[in-house]
């Protein structure tokens, strides 16, 4: 007799219940790349554009808020004022110390050769040593002789090899940490890809022209541009499933605790699946946040960098009493919309957008009306020290 396969009707659940937490970020473990790592650079498609750098190093100073006018015809908020939270990132000029050439292979990019500059700063060399003061400080001393021996033919030969064979050219640049008040002496070194230029020769010439020179953040990014922020999130240590995965708390009367996963899987297979939320490390993960809007770029030494057309007070970006857990911002700085990863002082990477957004929100020109510089420790009442002195009058403690 023919066996007719009867369709088994499965039971259905009353409500929809999507899983808690994203499995795309597994394994949730502490990162190896403590100061960020660029996993991919923007596509180098436009050969007609002049050669330009695609990333920059920044240090998170803190947050404040701004008032800006909205310019979005047809929107409900058009020609109204909104308050936005902003993050201020300090971006001291970087120094270019080398160039790397990559050739494309079936297995991805392969380094062909690297050329370093003749004179390297101490903060760059410090990064080469575990213990600087006990070392002989001889890093790159023999390499520097290549510039004097035989008229620097060896260096020229390597640069020509990069220009001839390579498709991807990147510069090696380091931040100047001595300009920050962060009590660190080792520079953060990174590779920055050069995009644009008609061929590899143009890229190599551009890189060589930057050797031992400072590059500023306004030569890489501009106001109203969108950028990606790459860095490491704030570490939270070992945390339970409710905080780490966002699973629902169990009813109050539950025996043996309620911030748990009720069922960690079926009897068989007799293992706990990797998709089941478990307790463990939370935070200190490497993350990339895309399309952060640049609201303003400030220059070092500009006492009126926070002046706007509506607020003519002459004031810098540092709030009253400095940024909490950071201090004063004395170098160039970038103001981006919203929050960004990491704690104060954390080194971040700003990268040109991988996917250039076209929505009106992202292409809107930003018109800042007011930038808040009141104290971030408590309820700040005064924008500047002069305003405070004027309000309080002559203080008894200041009288002789």
Foldseek 3Di string as FASTA:
>chain_A
DDDDDDDDDDDDDPDDDDFFFDPVQPPQDFDPPAQFDDPDAADQDAQADAKAWFKAKWFWFAKFKFKFADPDPPDPRHRHIDIFIKTKIFGFWKAWFKKWFWAQDPVGTDTDDMATHLDDDPLALVQVDPDPVPDPSCPCVVVSCCCVPPPNVVRVVVLVVRQPGGQWMWTKIWGCCVVFPPPDRHTDIDIITIHYHNGRNSVSVVSVVRHRHTDGPCRNDDALAWWKKKHFADWDFWDFQCVAGVDDFADPPDPPGTSHDPDQDDCPVVDRDPSGGGIGTDTNGIDMGTTWHWHAKAAAPQQQRFAAPQRRDRHDQAAVPGRVPGGDRRGIMIMTTDDDGDDGRRMMMIGHGNDGDDDCVSNPHIHTNGIARADPPPDGDDGDPVRVCVVVDDDPVPDD
